[in-house]
Amino acid sequence: MGDYIYPEWAVKMLKAPSERTQMESSLVGITIMMLGSLGIAIFMIASGIANTFWFKFLICASELGLLSFQFSMLSTMYQTYHNYKLETGCYPFDYKLKMKMDNAKVLKEELSEMIDSIELKQEVKKC
């Protein structure tokens, strides 16, 4: 029996890839879509297909919206992929150690800023 609108053969095919494969293909697909849409917009403007101001304006505005949407999808997918690889142990130990050290440095700076702001508030209250 199929699922949703897909027949059984399509359901079997869609269930086959692993999560990692799905995320990697999404990363590549979104990147290619971004490059393709940008290339088409540039080609239309440079070749003169879009020859009026409003046509050029609409192409630029829609391309800006499209690229920002695609970048949002790309960054979300990459973050999901990165977390998946961390959780499944796909990164080597030295890479994980470097990431932990970088996170510790950021955390140390944030804590220092918070402590400084708390101390400043306490000094202001004393005055």
N, C-alpha and C. Protein backbone atom coordinates (compact mmCIF):
# COMPACT_ATOMS: atom_id res chain seq x y z
N MET A 1 0.84 -1.19 0.00
CA MET A 1 0.00 0.00 0.00
C MET A 1 0.88 1.24 0.00
N GLY A 2 0.52 2.21 -0.77
CA GLY A 2 1.28 3.44 -0.87
C GLY A 2 1.04 4.35 0.32
N ASP A 3 1.63 5.52 0.27
CA ASP A 3 1.48 6.49 1.34
C ASP A 3 1.28 7.85 0.71
N TYR A 4 0.32 8.60 1.23
CA TYR A 4 -0.05 9.90 0.71
C TYR A 4 -0.44 9.76 -0.75
N ILE A 5 0.25 10.37 -1.68
CA ILE A 5 -0.10 10.23 -3.09
C ILE A 5 0.85 9.29 -3.83
N TYR A 6 1.82 8.73 -3.09
CA TYR A 6 2.86 7.93 -3.73
C TYR A 6 2.48 6.46 -3.78
N PRO A 7 2.75 5.82 -4.90
CA PRO A 7 2.50 4.37 -4.98
C PRO A 7 3.55 3.60 -4.18
N GLU A 8 3.32 2.32 -3.95
CA GLU A 8 4.19 1.50 -3.11
C GLU A 8 5.64 1.51 -3.58
N TRP A 9 5.87 1.42 -4.90
CA TRP A 9 7.24 1.39 -5.40
C TRP A 9 7.97 2.70 -5.08
N ALA A 10 7.24 3.82 -5.13
CA ALA A 10 7.86 5.11 -4.82
C ALA A 10 8.14 5.23 -3.33
N VAL A 11 7.24 4.71 -2.49
CA VAL A 11 7.43 4.74 -1.05
C VAL A 11 8.68 3.96 -0.66
N LYS A 12 8.86 2.79 -1.25
CA LYS A 12 10.05 1.99 -0.96
C LYS A 12 11.32 2.74 -1.35
N MET A 13 11.27 3.39 -2.50
CA MET A 13 12.43 4.13 -2.98
C MET A 13 12.72 5.35 -2.09
N LEU A 14 11.68 6.02 -1.61
CA LEU A 14 11.87 7.20 -0.77
C LEU A 14 12.35 6.84 0.64
N LYS A 15 12.05 5.65 1.10
CA LYS A 15 12.49 5.21 2.44
C LYS A 15 13.93 4.73 2.45
N ALA A 16 14.48 4.41 1.30
CA ALA A 16 15.78 3.75 1.21
C ALA A 16 16.98 4.60 1.68
N PRO A 17 17.12 5.86 1.29
CA PRO A 17 18.33 6.61 1.68
C PRO A 17 18.42 6.87 3.18
N SER A 18 19.64 6.92 3.68
CA SER A 18 19.86 7.23 5.10
C SER A 18 19.67 8.73 5.33
N GLU A 19 19.59 9.11 6.60
CA GLU A 19 19.43 10.53 6.93
C GLU A 19 20.62 11.34 6.44
N ARG A 20 21.81 10.78 6.58
CA ARG A 20 23.01 11.49 6.15
C ARG A 20 22.98 11.72 4.64
N THR A 21 22.60 10.72 3.88
CA THR A 21 22.51 10.86 2.43
C THR A 21 21.48 11.92 2.05
N GLN A 22 20.36 11.93 2.75
CA GLN A 22 19.33 12.92 2.47
C GLN A 22 19.83 14.34 2.73
N MET A 23 20.52 14.51 3.85
CA MET A 23 21.02 15.84 4.17
C MET A 23 22.11 16.29 3.21
N GLU A 24 23.00 15.39 2.85
CA GLU A 24 24.07 15.74 1.91
C GLU A 24 23.50 16.10 0.55
N SER A 25 22.51 15.34 0.08
CA SER A 25 21.92 15.67 -1.22
C SER A 25 21.14 16.98 -1.16
N SER A 26 20.54 17.27 -0.01
CA SER A 26 19.84 18.55 0.14
C SER A 26 20.83 19.71 0.11
N LEU A 27 21.98 19.55 0.77
CA LEU A 27 23.00 20.61 0.75
C LEU A 27 23.47 20.89 -0.67
N VAL A 28 23.75 19.84 -1.41
CA VAL A 28 24.21 20.01 -2.79
C VAL A 28 23.10 20.59 -3.66
N GLY A 29 21.89 20.08 -3.49
CA GLY A 29 20.76 20.56 -4.29
C GLY A 29 20.46 22.02 -4.07
N ILE A 30 20.45 22.46 -2.82
CA ILE A 30 20.17 23.86 -2.51
C ILE A 30 21.27 24.75 -3.07
N THR A 31 22.52 24.32 -2.96
CA THR A 31 23.63 25.11 -3.50
C THR A 31 23.52 25.25 -5.01
N ILE A 32 23.19 24.18 -5.69
CA ILE A 32 23.03 24.23 -7.15
C ILE A 32 21.85 25.11 -7.54
N MET A 33 20.75 25.05 -6.77
CA MET A 33 19.61 25.92 -7.07
C MET A 33 19.99 27.38 -6.90
N MET A 34 20.77 27.68 -5.85
CA MET A 34 21.20 29.07 -5.64
C MET A 34 22.04 29.56 -6.81
N LEU A 35 23.02 28.75 -7.21
CA LEU A 35 23.88 29.15 -8.32
C LEU A 35 23.09 29.26 -9.62
N GLY A 36 22.18 28.33 -9.85
CA GLY A 36 21.38 28.34 -11.06
C GLY A 36 20.47 29.56 -11.15
N SER A 37 19.78 29.88 -10.05
CA SER A 37 18.88 31.03 -10.09
C SER A 37 19.66 32.33 -10.25
N LEU A 38 20.81 32.41 -9.59
CA LEU A 38 21.65 33.59 -9.75
C LEU A 38 22.16 33.70 -11.18
N GLY A 39 22.57 32.59 -11.76
CA GLY A 39 23.06 32.58 -13.13
C GLY A 39 21.99 32.99 -14.14
N ILE A 40 20.78 32.50 -13.95
CA ILE A 40 19.68 32.86 -14.85
C ILE A 40 19.38 34.35 -14.77
N ALA A 41 19.34 34.89 -13.54
CA ALA A 41 19.05 36.31 -13.37
C ALA A 41 20.14 37.17 -14.03
N ILE A 42 21.39 36.80 -13.80
CA ILE A 42 22.49 37.56 -14.41
C ILE A 42 22.43 37.45 -15.92
N PHE A 43 22.18 36.26 -16.44
CA PHE A 43 22.10 36.07 -17.89
C PHE A 43 20.98 36.91 -18.49
N MET A 44 19.81 36.92 -17.85
CA MET A 44 18.68 37.67 -18.41
C MET A 44 18.96 39.16 -18.45
N ILE A 45 19.63 39.67 -17.43
CA ILE A 45 19.94 41.10 -17.40
C ILE A 45 21.08 41.42 -18.35
N ALA A 46 22.14 40.61 -18.34
CA ALA A 46 23.32 40.88 -19.17
C ALA A 46 23.06 40.71 -20.65
N SER A 47 22.21 39.76 -21.01
CA SER A 47 21.97 39.50 -22.44
C SER A 47 20.91 40.42 -23.04
N GLY A 48 20.23 41.17 -22.21
CA GLY A 48 19.24 42.09 -22.72
C GLY A 48 17.84 41.51 -22.80
N ILE A 49 17.64 40.31 -22.34
CA ILE A 49 16.29 39.73 -22.32
C ILE A 49 15.41 40.59 -21.42
N ALA A 50 15.95 40.99 -20.29
CA ALA A 50 15.26 41.93 -19.41
C ALA A 50 15.74 43.32 -19.80
N ASN A 51 14.95 44.00 -20.63
CA ASN A 51 15.44 45.25 -21.18
C ASN A 51 14.78 46.50 -20.61
N THR A 52 13.71 46.35 -19.83
CA THR A 52 13.10 47.53 -19.22
C THR A 52 13.50 47.62 -17.76
N PHE A 53 13.39 48.82 -17.22
CA PHE A 53 13.77 49.04 -15.83
C PHE A 53 12.96 48.17 -14.89
N TRP A 54 11.64 48.12 -15.10
CA TRP A 54 10.78 47.38 -14.17
C TRP A 54 11.03 45.88 -14.25
N PHE A 55 11.33 45.39 -15.42
CA PHE A 55 11.63 43.96 -15.57
C PHE A 55 12.93 43.64 -14.83
N LYS A 56 13.93 44.49 -14.99
CA LYS A 56 15.19 44.30 -14.27
C LYS A 56 14.98 44.41 -12.76
N PHE A 57 14.18 45.38 -12.36
CA PHE A 57 13.89 45.57 -10.94
C PHE A 57 13.20 44.34 -10.36
N LEU A 58 12.22 43.82 -11.05
CA LEU A 58 11.50 42.64 -10.56
C LEU A 58 12.41 41.42 -10.50
N ILE A 59 13.27 41.26 -11.48
CA ILE A 59 14.21 40.14 -11.47
C ILE A 59 15.16 40.26 -10.28
N CYS A 60 15.70 41.45 -10.07
CA CYS A 60 16.64 41.66 -8.95
C CYS A 60 15.93 41.46 -7.61
N ALA A 61 14.74 41.99 -7.46
CA ALA A 61 14.01 41.85 -6.20
C ALA A 61 13.66 40.40 -5.92
N SER A 62 13.17 39.70 -6.93
CA SER A 62 12.81 38.30 -6.72
C SER A 62 14.05 37.45 -6.48
N GLU A 63 15.14 37.77 -7.14
CA GLU A 63 16.38 37.02 -6.93
C GLU A 63 16.92 37.25 -5.52
N LEU A 64 16.82 38.45 -5.03
CA LEU A 64 17.25 38.74 -3.67
C LEU A 64 16.42 37.94 -2.66
N GLY A 65 15.12 37.92 -2.85
CA GLY A 65 14.25 37.13 -1.98
C GLY A 65 14.52 35.64 -2.09
N LEU A 66 14.71 35.19 -3.30
CA LEU A 66 14.97 33.77 -3.54
C LEU A 66 16.29 33.34 -2.91
N LEU A 67 17.32 34.14 -3.10
CA LEU A 67 18.62 33.80 -2.52
C LEU A 67 18.60 33.83 -0.99
N SER A 68 17.89 34.79 -0.41
CA SER A 68 17.82 34.83 1.05
C SER A 68 17.06 33.63 1.59
N PHE A 69 15.99 33.23 0.91
CA PHE A 69 15.24 32.04 1.31
C PHE A 69 16.10 30.78 1.16
N GLN A 70 16.78 30.66 0.04
CA GLN A 70 17.62 29.49 -0.19
C GLN A 70 18.79 29.45 0.78
N PHE A 71 19.37 30.60 1.11
CA PHE A 71 20.46 30.63 2.08
C PHE A 71 19.97 30.20 3.45
N SER A 72 18.77 30.62 3.80
CA SER A 72 18.18 30.20 5.07
C SER A 72 18.02 28.68 5.11
N MET A 73 17.52 28.12 4.03
CA MET A 73 17.37 26.66 3.95
C MET A 73 18.73 25.98 4.02
N LEU A 74 19.70 26.53 3.31
CA LEU A 74 21.04 25.94 3.28
C LEU A 74 21.69 25.97 4.67
N SER A 75 21.60 27.10 5.36
CA SER A 75 22.23 27.19 6.68
C SER A 75 21.52 26.29 7.69
N THR A 76 20.19 26.20 7.62
CA THR A 76 19.45 25.31 8.51
C THR A 76 19.83 23.86 8.24
N MET A 77 19.91 23.50 6.98
CA MET A 77 20.25 22.12 6.62
C MET A 77 21.68 21.80 7.06
N TYR A 78 22.60 22.75 6.88
CA TYR A 78 23.98 22.49 7.29
C TYR A 78 24.08 22.32 8.80
N GLN A 79 23.38 23.15 9.56
CA GLN A 79 23.41 23.02 11.01
C GLN A 79 22.85 21.67 11.45
N THR A 80 21.78 21.23 10.82
CA THR A 80 21.20 19.92 11.11
C THR A 80 22.19 18.82 10.77
N TYR A 81 22.83 18.94 9.62
CA TYR A 81 23.81 17.95 9.17
C TYR A 81 25.01 17.90 10.13
N HIS A 82 25.49 19.07 10.53
CA HIS A 82 26.62 19.16 11.44
C HIS A 82 26.29 18.49 12.78
N ASN A 83 25.11 18.80 13.32
CA ASN A 83 24.69 18.20 14.59
C ASN A 83 24.51 16.69 14.45
N TYR A 84 23.98 16.26 13.33
CA TYR A 84 23.81 14.82 13.08
C TYR A 84 25.17 14.12 13.10
N LYS A 85 26.16 14.72 12.42
CA LYS A 85 27.49 14.12 12.39
C LYS A 85 28.14 14.13 13.76
N LEU A 86 27.89 15.15 14.56
CA LEU A 86 28.42 15.18 15.93
C LEU A 86 27.80 14.07 16.78
N GLU A 87 26.49 13.93 16.66
CA GLU A 87 25.78 12.94 17.47
C GLU A 87 26.13 11.51 17.08
N THR A 88 26.41 11.29 15.83
CA THR A 88 26.71 9.93 15.37
C THR A 88 28.19 9.61 15.41
N GLY A 89 29.02 10.56 15.82
CA GLY A 89 30.45 10.31 15.96
C GLY A 89 31.19 10.25 14.64
N CYS A 90 30.76 11.01 13.66
CA CYS A 90 31.41 10.99 12.34
C CYS A 90 32.67 11.85 12.28
N TYR A 91 32.85 12.75 13.24
CA TYR A 91 34.03 13.61 13.23
C TYR A 91 35.16 12.94 14.01
N PRO A 92 36.41 13.14 13.60
CA PRO A 92 37.53 12.57 14.36
C PRO A 92 37.69 13.29 15.70
N PHE A 93 38.39 12.64 16.63
CA PHE A 93 38.54 13.15 17.99
C PHE A 93 39.19 14.54 18.02
N ASP A 94 40.24 14.75 17.22
CA ASP A 94 40.93 16.04 17.26
C ASP A 94 40.04 17.18 16.78
N TYR A 95 39.14 16.90 15.82
CA TYR A 95 38.21 17.92 15.35
C TYR A 95 37.21 18.26 16.45
N LYS A 96 36.69 17.22 17.14
CA LYS A 96 35.76 17.46 18.23
C LYS A 96 36.43 18.25 19.36
N LEU A 97 37.67 17.92 19.65
CA LEU A 97 38.42 18.63 20.69
C LEU A 97 38.59 20.10 20.32
N LYS A 98 38.93 20.38 19.07
CA LYS A 98 39.08 21.77 18.61
C LYS A 98 37.76 22.53 18.74
N MET A 99 36.65 21.88 18.37
CA MET A 99 35.34 22.52 18.49
C MET A 99 35.00 22.81 19.95
N LYS A 100 35.29 21.88 20.84
CA LYS A 100 35.03 22.09 22.26
C LYS A 100 35.88 23.24 22.80
N MET A 101 37.14 23.32 22.37
CA MET A 101 38.01 24.41 22.81
C MET A 101 37.49 25.75 22.32
N ASP A 102 37.04 25.81 21.06
CA ASP A 102 36.47 27.05 20.52
C ASP A 102 35.22 27.46 21.30
N ASN A 103 34.36 26.47 21.59
CA ASN A 103 33.15 26.76 22.37
C ASN A 103 33.51 27.24 23.76
N ALA A 104 34.55 26.66 24.37
CA ALA A 104 34.98 27.07 25.71
C ALA A 104 35.48 28.51 25.70
N LYS A 105 36.21 28.90 24.66
CA LYS A 105 36.70 30.28 24.56
C LYS A 105 35.54 31.26 24.48
N VAL A 106 34.53 30.92 23.66
CA VAL A 106 33.35 31.80 23.53
C VAL A 106 32.62 31.88 24.86
N LEU A 107 32.44 30.75 25.51
CA LEU A 107 31.75 30.71 26.80
C LEU A 107 32.51 31.53 27.84
N LYS A 108 33.83 31.43 27.84
CA LYS A 108 34.66 32.19 28.79
C LYS A 108 34.47 33.68 28.57
N GLU A 109 34.46 34.12 27.31
CA GLU A 109 34.27 35.54 27.01
C GLU A 109 32.89 36.01 27.45
N GLU A 110 31.86 35.18 27.19
CA GLU A 110 30.50 35.55 27.60
C GLU A 110 30.39 35.65 29.11
N LEU A 111 30.99 34.69 29.81
CA LEU A 111 30.97 34.73 31.28
C LEU A 111 31.69 35.96 31.81
N SER A 112 32.83 36.31 31.23
CA SER A 112 33.57 37.50 31.65
C SER A 112 32.72 38.76 31.47
N GLU A 113 32.04 38.85 30.32
CA GLU A 113 31.17 40.01 30.07
C GLU A 113 30.03 40.07 31.07
N MET A 114 29.43 38.91 31.37
CA MET A 114 28.33 38.88 32.33
C MET A 114 28.80 39.27 33.73
N ILE A 115 29.94 38.75 34.13
CA ILE A 115 30.49 39.08 35.46
C ILE A 115 30.80 40.57 35.54
N ASP A 116 31.41 41.10 34.48
CA ASP A 116 31.73 42.53 34.45
C ASP A 116 30.46 43.38 34.57
N SER A 117 29.40 42.99 33.85
CA SER A 117 28.16 43.78 33.89
C SER A 117 27.49 43.67 35.26
N ILE A 118 27.57 42.50 35.90
CA ILE A 118 27.00 42.34 37.24
C ILE A 118 27.78 43.19 38.24
N GLU A 119 29.10 43.14 38.16
CA GLU A 119 29.93 43.95 39.06
C GLU A 119 29.68 45.43 38.85
N LEU A 120 29.50 45.85 37.60
CA LEU A 120 29.22 47.25 37.32
C LEU A 120 27.88 47.66 37.92
N LYS A 121 26.85 46.80 37.83
CA LYS A 121 25.55 47.11 38.41
C LYS A 121 25.65 47.22 39.93
N GLN A 122 26.45 46.33 40.54
CA GLN A 122 26.60 46.38 42.00
C GLN A 122 27.33 47.64 42.43
N GLU A 123 28.30 48.10 41.66
CA GLU A 123 29.02 49.33 41.98
C GLU A 123 28.10 50.53 41.86
N VAL A 124 27.22 50.51 40.85
CA VAL A 124 26.29 51.62 40.66
C VAL A 124 25.31 51.67 41.82
N LYS A 125 24.86 50.53 42.30
CA LYS A 125 23.92 50.48 43.43
C LYS A 125 24.57 51.01 44.71
N LYS A 126 25.88 50.77 44.88
CA LYS A 126 26.58 51.22 46.08
C LYS A 126 26.70 52.74 46.12
N CYS A 127 26.77 53.36 44.96
CA CYS A 127 26.96 54.82 44.90
C CYS A 127 25.74 55.55 45.23
